[in-house]
PDB file of N, CA and C in Angstrom:
ATOM      1  N   MET A   1     179.422 -36.600 101.724  1.00  0.00           N
ATOM      2  CA  MET A   1     178.644 -36.892 100.532  1.00  0.00           C
ATOM      3  C   MET A   1     179.472 -37.798  99.626  1.00  0.00           C
ATOM      4  N   ASN A   2     178.901 -38.886  99.175  1.00  0.00           N
ATOM      5  CA  ASN A   2     179.582 -39.807  98.281  1.00  0.00           C
ATOM      6  C   ASN A   2     179.317 -39.378  96.845  1.00  0.00           C
ATOM      7  N   MET A   3     180.389 -38.967  96.162  1.00  0.00           N
ATOM      8  CA  MET A   3     180.240 -38.475  94.802  1.00  0.00           C
ATOM      9  C   MET A   3     181.063 -39.339  93.863  1.00  0.00           C
ATOM     10  N   ASN A   4     180.457 -39.735  92.764  1.00  0.00           N
ATOM     11  CA  ASN A   4     181.159 -40.483  91.738  1.00  0.00           C
ATOM     12  C   ASN A   4     181.396 -39.583  90.550  1.00  0.00           C
ATOM     13  N   ALA A   5     182.632 -39.534  90.095  1.00  0.00           N
ATOM     14  CA  ALA A   5     182.978 -38.690  88.961  1.00  0.00           C
ATOM     15  C   ALA A   5     182.365 -39.246  87.683  1.00  0.00           C
ATOM     16  N   ASN A   6     181.730 -38.376  86.926  1.00  0.00           N
ATOM     17  CA  ASN A   6     181.244 -38.730  85.593  1.00  0.00           C
ATOM     18  C   ASN A   6     182.342 -38.330  84.628  1.00  0.00           C
ATOM     19  N   HIS A   7     183.088 -39.306  84.127  1.00  0.00           N
ATOM     20  CA  HIS A   7     184.240 -39.011  83.283  1.00  0.00           C
ATOM     21  C   HIS A   7     183.859 -38.493  81.899  1.00  0.00           C
ATOM     22  N   SER A   8     182.580 -38.341  81.651  1.00  0.00           N
ATOM     23  CA  SER A   8     182.123 -37.726  80.407  1.00  0.00           C
ATOM     24  C   SER A   8     181.915 -36.224  80.551  1.00  0.00           C
ATOM     25  N   ILE A   9     181.948 -35.721  81.806  1.00  0.00           N
ATOM     26  CA  ILE A   9     181.717 -34.292  82.057  1.00  0.00           C
ATOM     27  C   ILE A   9     182.900 -33.722  82.829  1.00  0.00           C
ATOM     28  N   LYS A  10     183.829 -33.088  82.127  1.00  0.00           N
ATOM     29  CA  LYS A  10     184.965 -32.446  82.785  1.00  0.00           C
ATOM     30  C   LYS A  10     184.496 -31.135  83.398  1.00  0.00           C
ATOM     31  N   CYS A  11     185.059 -30.801  84.559  1.00  0.00           N
ATOM     32  CA  CYS A  11     184.687 -29.570  85.245  1.00  0.00           C
ATOM     33  C   CYS A  11     185.836 -29.130  86.148  1.00  0.00           C
ATOM     34  N   SER A  12     186.112 -27.835  86.158  1.00  0.00           N
ATOM     35  CA  SER A  12     187.183 -27.294  87.008  1.00  0.00           C
ATOM     36  C   SER A  12     186.663 -26.274  88.008  1.00  0.00           C
ATOM     37  N   VAL A  13     185.353 -26.257  88.229  1.00  0.00           N
ATOM     38  CA  VAL A  13     184.742 -25.278  89.128  1.00  0.00           C
ATOM     39  C   VAL A  13     184.639 -25.880  90.534  1.00  0.00           C
ATOM     40  N   ASP A  14     185.687 -25.649  91.340  1.00  0.00           N
ATOM     41  CA  ASP A  14     185.732 -26.213  92.694  1.00  0.00           C
ATOM     42  C   ASP A  14     184.591 -25.721  93.577  1.00  0.00           C
ATOM     43  N   GLU A  15     184.054 -24.565  93.295  1.00  0.00           N
ATOM     44  CA  GLU A  15     183.002 -23.970  94.126  1.00  0.00           C
ATOM     45  C   GLU A  15     181.633 -24.616  93.921  1.00  0.00           C
ATOM     46  N   CYS A  16     181.517 -25.503  92.944  1.00  0.00           N
ATOM     47  CA  CYS A  16     180.229 -26.155  92.674  1.00  0.00           C
ATOM     48  C   CYS A  16     180.050 -27.383  93.557  1.00  0.00           C
ATOM     49  N   GLN A  17     178.865 -27.560  94.060  1.00  0.00           N
ATOM     50  CA  GLN A  17     178.507 -28.698  94.908  1.00  0.00           C
ATOM     51  C   GLN A  17     178.698 -30.023  94.172  1.00  0.00           C
ATOM     52  N   HIS A  18     178.589 -30.039  92.856  1.00  0.00           N
ATOM     53  CA  HIS A  18     178.674 -31.273  92.074  1.00  0.00           C
ATOM     54  C   HIS A  18     180.098 -31.617  91.643  1.00  0.00           C
ATOM     55  N   HIS A  19     181.069 -30.739  91.951  1.00  0.00           N
ATOM     56  CA  HIS A  19     182.462 -30.974  91.569  1.00  0.00           C
ATOM     57  C   HIS A  19     183.044 -32.103  92.407  1.00  0.00           C
ATOM     58  N   CYS A  20     183.871 -32.946  91.797  1.00  0.00           N
ATOM     59  CA  CYS A  20     184.412 -34.131  92.479  1.00  0.00           C
ATOM     60  C   CYS A  20     185.765 -33.889  93.130  1.00  0.00           C
ATOM     61  N   GLY A  21     185.891 -32.837  93.880  1.00  0.00           N
ATOM     62  CA  GLY A  21     187.087 -32.604  94.683  1.00  0.00           C
ATOM     63  C   GLY A  21     188.371 -32.583  93.891  1.00  0.00           C
ATOM     64  N   ALA A  22     189.266 -33.548  94.168  1.00  0.00           N
ATOM     65  CA  ALA A  22     190.578 -33.598  93.527  1.00  0.00           C
ATOM     66  C   ALA A  22     190.487 -33.976  92.048  1.00  0.00           C
ATOM     67  N   GLU A  23     189.374 -34.563  91.653  1.00  0.00           N
ATOM     68  CA  GLU A  23     189.182 -34.919  90.249  1.00  0.00           C
ATOM     69  C   GLU A  23     188.444 -33.785  89.553  1.00  0.00           C
ATOM     70  N   ASN A  24     188.881 -33.402  88.378  1.00  0.00           N
ATOM     71  CA  ASN A  24     188.209 -32.322  87.646  1.00  0.00           C
ATOM     72  C   ASN A  24     187.080 -32.864  86.781  1.00  0.00           C
ATOM     73  N   TYR A  25     186.082 -33.426  87.477  1.00  0.00           N
ATOM     74  CA  TYR A  25     184.898 -33.964  86.825  1.00  0.00           C
ATOM     75  C   TYR A  25     183.659 -33.583  87.622  1.00  0.00           C
ATOM     76  N   CYS A  26     182.526 -33.652  86.963  1.00  0.00           N
ATOM     77  CA  CYS A  26     181.232 -33.415  87.593  1.00  0.00           C
ATOM     78  C   CYS A  26     180.682 -34.751  88.085  1.00  0.00           C
ATOM     79  N   SER A  27     179.875 -34.711  89.118  1.00  0.00           N
ATOM     80  CA  SER A  27     179.271 -35.935  89.644  1.00  0.00           C
ATOM     81  C   SER A  27     177.865 -36.184  89.082  1.00  0.00           C
ATOM     82  N   LEU A  28     177.327 -35.244  88.326  1.00  0.00           N
ATOM     83  CA  LEU A  28     175.984 -35.414  87.772  1.00  0.00           C
ATOM     84  C   LEU A  28     175.989 -36.374  86.588  1.00  0.00           C
ATOM     85  N   ASP A  29     174.839 -36.995  86.341  1.00  0.00           N
ATOM     86  CA  ASP A  29     174.696 -37.852  85.165  1.00  0.00           C
ATOM     87  C   ASP A  29     174.635 -37.024  83.886  1.00  0.00           C
ATOM     88  N   CYS A  30     174.043 -35.837  83.994  1.00  0.00           N
ATOM     89  CA  CYS A  30     173.972 -34.923  82.859  1.00  0.00           C
ATOM     90  C   CYS A  30     173.907 -33.504  83.413  1.00  0.00           C
ATOM     91  N   VAL A  31     174.275 -32.532  82.597  1.00  0.00           N
ATOM     92  CA  VAL A  31     174.219 -31.129  82.994  1.00  0.00           C
ATOM     93  C   VAL A  31     173.377 -30.357  81.993  1.00  0.00           C
ATOM     94  N   SER A  32     172.896 -29.214  82.431  1.00  0.00           N
ATOM     95  CA  SER A  32     172.133 -28.332  81.555  1.00  0.00           C
ATOM     96  C   SER A  32     173.019 -27.138  81.212  1.00  0.00           C
ATOM     97  N   ILE A  33     173.209 -26.898  79.921  1.00  0.00           N
ATOM     98  CA  ILE A  33     174.020 -25.787  79.445  1.00  0.00           C
ATOM     99  C   ILE A  33     173.088 -24.772  78.789  1.00  0.00           C
ATOM    100  N   GLY A  34     173.293 -23.509  79.127  1.00  0.00           N
ATOM    101  CA  GLY A  34     172.444 -22.454  78.563  1.00  0.00           C
ATOM    102  C   GLY A  34     173.266 -21.204  78.311  1.00  0.00           C
ATOM    103  N   THR A  35     172.573 -20.121  78.027  1.00  0.00           N
ATOM    104  CA  THR A  35     173.231 -18.846  77.778  1.00  0.00           C
ATOM    105  C   THR A  35     172.444 -17.715  78.413  1.00  0.00           C
ATOM    106  N   HIS A  36     173.133 -16.634  78.708  1.00  0.00           N
ATOM    107  CA  HIS A  36     172.482 -15.434  79.241  1.00  0.00           C
ATOM    108  C   HIS A  36     172.456 -14.332  78.183  1.00  0.00           C
ATOM    109  N   GLU A  37     172.806 -14.688  76.955  1.00  0.00           N
ATOM    110  CA  GLU A  37     172.856 -13.731  75.848  1.00  0.00           C
ATOM    111  C   GLU A  37     171.806 -14.077  74.797  1.00  0.00           C
ATOM    112  N   ALA A  38     171.339 -13.066  74.088  1.00  0.00           N
ATOM    113  CA  ALA A  38     170.394 -13.305  72.995  1.00  0.00           C
ATOM    114  C   ALA A  38     171.088 -13.935  71.791  1.00  0.00           C
ATOM    115  N   ASN A  39     172.355 -13.576  71.592  1.00  0.00           N
ATOM    116  CA  ASN A  39     173.120 -14.083  70.453  1.00  0.00           C
ATOM    117  C   ASN A  39     174.538 -14.425  70.930  1.00  0.00           C
ATOM    118  N   PRO A  40     174.722 -15.585  71.580  1.00  0.00           N
ATOM    119  CA  PRO A  40     176.038 -15.910  72.132  1.00  0.00           C
ATOM    120  C   PRO A  40     177.086 -16.128  71.043  1.00  0.00           C
ATOM    121  N   THR A  41     178.224 -15.440  71.188  1.00  0.00           N
ATOM    122  CA  THR A  41     179.305 -15.575  70.214  1.00  0.00           C
ATOM    123  C   THR A  41     180.640 -15.915  70.879  1.00  0.00           C
ATOM    124  N   LEU A  42     180.704 -15.869  72.200  1.00  0.00           N
ATOM    125  CA  LEU A  42     181.922 -16.167  72.950  1.00  0.00           C
ATOM    126  C   LEU A  42     181.628 -17.239  73.990  1.00  0.00           C
ATOM    127  N   LYS A  43     182.659 -17.999  74.390  1.00  0.00           N
ATOM    128  CA  LYS A  43     182.397 -19.038  75.382  1.00  0.00           C
ATOM    129  C   LYS A  43     182.000 -18.454  76.734  1.00  0.00           C
ATOM    130  N   GLN A  44     182.351 -17.194  77.004  1.00  0.00           N
ATOM    131  CA  GLN A  44     181.922 -16.534  78.241  1.00  0.00           C
ATOM    132  C   GLN A  44     180.413 -16.319  78.279  1.00  0.00           C
ATOM    133  N   CYS A  45     179.763 -16.460  77.143  1.00  0.00           N
ATOM    134  CA  CYS A  45     178.313 -16.281  77.062  1.00  0.00           C
ATOM    135  C   CYS A  45     177.546 -17.552  77.414  1.00  0.00           C
ATOM    136  N   VAL A  46     178.258 -18.640  77.629  1.00  0.00           N
ATOM    137  CA  VAL A  46     177.642 -19.939  77.884  1.00  0.00           C
ATOM    138  C   VAL A  46     177.784 -20.278  79.373  1.00  0.00           C
ATOM    139  N   ASP A  47     176.731 -20.814  79.960  1.00  0.00           N
ATOM    140  CA  ASP A  47     176.682 -21.092  81.392  1.00  0.00           C
ATOM    141  C   ASP A  47     176.299 -22.544  81.669  1.00  0.00           C
ATOM    142  N   CYS A  48     176.864 -23.097  82.755  1.00  0.00           N
ATOM    143  CA  CYS A  48     176.397 -24.377  83.265  1.00  0.00           C
ATOM    144  C   CYS A  48     175.215 -24.059  84.184  1.00  0.00           C
ATOM    145  N   GLU A  49     174.030 -24.393  83.744  1.00  0.00           N
ATOM    146  CA  GLU A  49     172.827 -24.100  84.530  1.00  0.00           C
ATOM    147  C   GLU A  49     172.600 -25.120  85.632  1.00  0.00           C
ATOM    148  N   SER A  50     173.477 -26.130  85.730  1.00  0.00           N
ATOM    149  CA  SER A  50     173.408 -27.120  86.800  1.00  0.00           C
ATOM    150  C   SER A  50     174.257 -26.710  88.001  1.00  0.00           C
ATOM    151  N   PHE A  51     174.962 -25.598  87.908  1.00  0.00           N
ATOM    152  CA  PHE A  51     175.825 -25.117  88.983  1.00  0.00           C
ATOM    153  C   PHE A  51     175.033 -24.870  90.260  1.00  0.00           C
ATOM    154  N   VAL A  52     175.574 -25.385  91.378  1.00  0.00           N
ATOM    155  CA  VAL A  52     175.023 -25.135  92.709  1.00  0.00           C
ATOM    156  C   VAL A  52     176.211 -24.782  93.606  1.00  0.00           C
ATOM    157  N   LEU A  53     176.162 -23.643  94.233  1.00  0.00           N
ATOM    158  CA  LEU A  53     177.234 -23.204  95.114  1.00  0.00           C
ATOM    159  C   LEU A  53     177.356 -24.151  96.299  1.00  0.00           C
ATOM    160  N   LYS A  54     178.578 -24.567  96.620  1.00  0.00           N
ATOM    161  CA  LYS A  54     178.796 -25.419  97.788  1.00  0.00           C
ATOM    162  C   LYS A  54     178.289 -24.705  99.033  1.00  0.00           C
ATOM    163  N   SER A  55     177.708 -25.450  99.930  1.00  0.00           N
ATOM    164  CA  SER A  55     177.164 -24.841 101.147  1.00  0.00           C
ATOM    165  C   SER A  55     177.830 -25.398 102.395  1.00  0.00           C
ATOM    166  N   ASP A  56     178.980 -26.072 102.234  1.00  0.00           N
ATOM    167  CA  ASP A  56     179.626 -26.616 103.419  1.00  0.00           C
ATOM    168  C   ASP A  56     180.190 -25.488 104.275  1.00  0.00           C
ATOM    169  N   SER A  57     180.333 -25.735 105.557  1.00  0.00           N
ATOM    170  CA  SER A  57     180.716 -24.682 106.501  1.00  0.00           C
ATOM    171  C   SER A  57     182.124 -24.172 106.235  1.00  0.00           C
ATOM    172  N   HIS A  58     183.048 -25.021 105.805  1.00  0.00           N
ATOM    173  CA  HIS A  58     184.415 -24.582 105.527  1.00  0.00           C
ATOM    174  C   HIS A  58     184.428 -23.559 104.383  1.00  0.00           C
ATOM    175  N   GLN A  59     183.693 -23.834 103.326  1.00  0.00           N
ATOM    176  CA  GLN A  59     183.633 -22.908 102.192  1.00  0.00           C
ATOM    177  C   GLN A  59     182.999 -21.585 102.624  1.00  0.00           C
ATOM    178  N   ASN A  60     181.950 -21.639 103.423  1.00  0.00           N
ATOM    179  CA  ASN A  60     181.294 -20.425 103.880  1.00  0.00           C
ATOM    180  C   ASN A  60     182.208 -19.606 104.789  1.00  0.00           C
ATOM    181  N   GLN A  61     183.015 -20.268 105.625  1.00  0.00           N
ATOM    182  CA  GLN A  61     183.959 -19.566 106.491  1.00  0.00           C
ATOM    183  C   GLN A  61     185.029 -18.868 105.660  1.00  0.00           C
ATOM    184  N   GLN A  62     185.515 -19.536 104.610  1.00  0.00           N
ATOM    185  CA  GLN A  62     186.513 -18.920 103.738  1.00  0.00           C
ATOM    186  C   GLN A  62     185.944 -17.681 103.059  1.00  0.00           C
ATOM    187  N   ASN A  63     184.718 -17.787 102.569  1.00  0.00           N
ATOM    188  CA  ASN A  63     184.090 -16.654 101.904  1.00  0.00           C
ATOM    189  C   ASN A  63     183.890 -15.505 102.870  1.00  0.00           C
ATOM    190  N   ALA A  64     183.465 -15.784 104.087  1.00  0.00           N
ATOM    191  CA  ALA A  64     183.220 -14.742 105.077  1.00  0.00           C
ATOM    192  C   ALA A  64     184.517 -14.045 105.458  1.00  0.00           C
ATOM    193  N   SER A  65     185.604 -14.802 105.615  1.00  0.00           N
ATOM    194  CA  SER A  65     186.859 -14.186 106.023  1.00  0.00           C
ATOM    195  C   SER A  65     187.462 -13.324 104.915  1.00  0.00           C
ATOM    196  N   SER A  66     187.121 -13.597 103.671  1.00  0.00           N
ATOM    197  CA  SER A  66     187.670 -12.803 102.579  1.00  0.00           C
ATOM    198  C   SER A  66     187.023 -11.416 102.500  1.00  0.00           C
ATOM    199  N   TYR A  67     185.894 -11.213 103.160  1.00  0.00           N
ATOM    200  CA  TYR A  67     185.201  -9.928 103.149  1.00  0.00           C
ATOM    201  C   TYR A  67     185.547  -9.074 104.361  1.00  0.00           C
ATOM    202  N   ARG A  68     186.382  -9.578 105.283  1.00  0.00           N
ATOM    203  CA  ARG A  68     186.714  -8.847 106.507  1.00  0.00           C
ATOM    204  C   ARG A  68     187.793  -7.837 106.266  1.00  0.00           C
TER     205      ARG A  68
END
């Protein structure tokens, strides 16, 4: 997959499909930010709603082996 880093969106979530590998940036043009709380007061209450779990076979093999 050819991904171009959007230098306006920093990201350190390697497990996301939109993460740019060695670069800590997102490849999306824009992201959706939301919350799972009625009254968010901490940064842990805020979520990137554009997150998509990587589905490559290497990542899935790593996840499977960690449960053995």
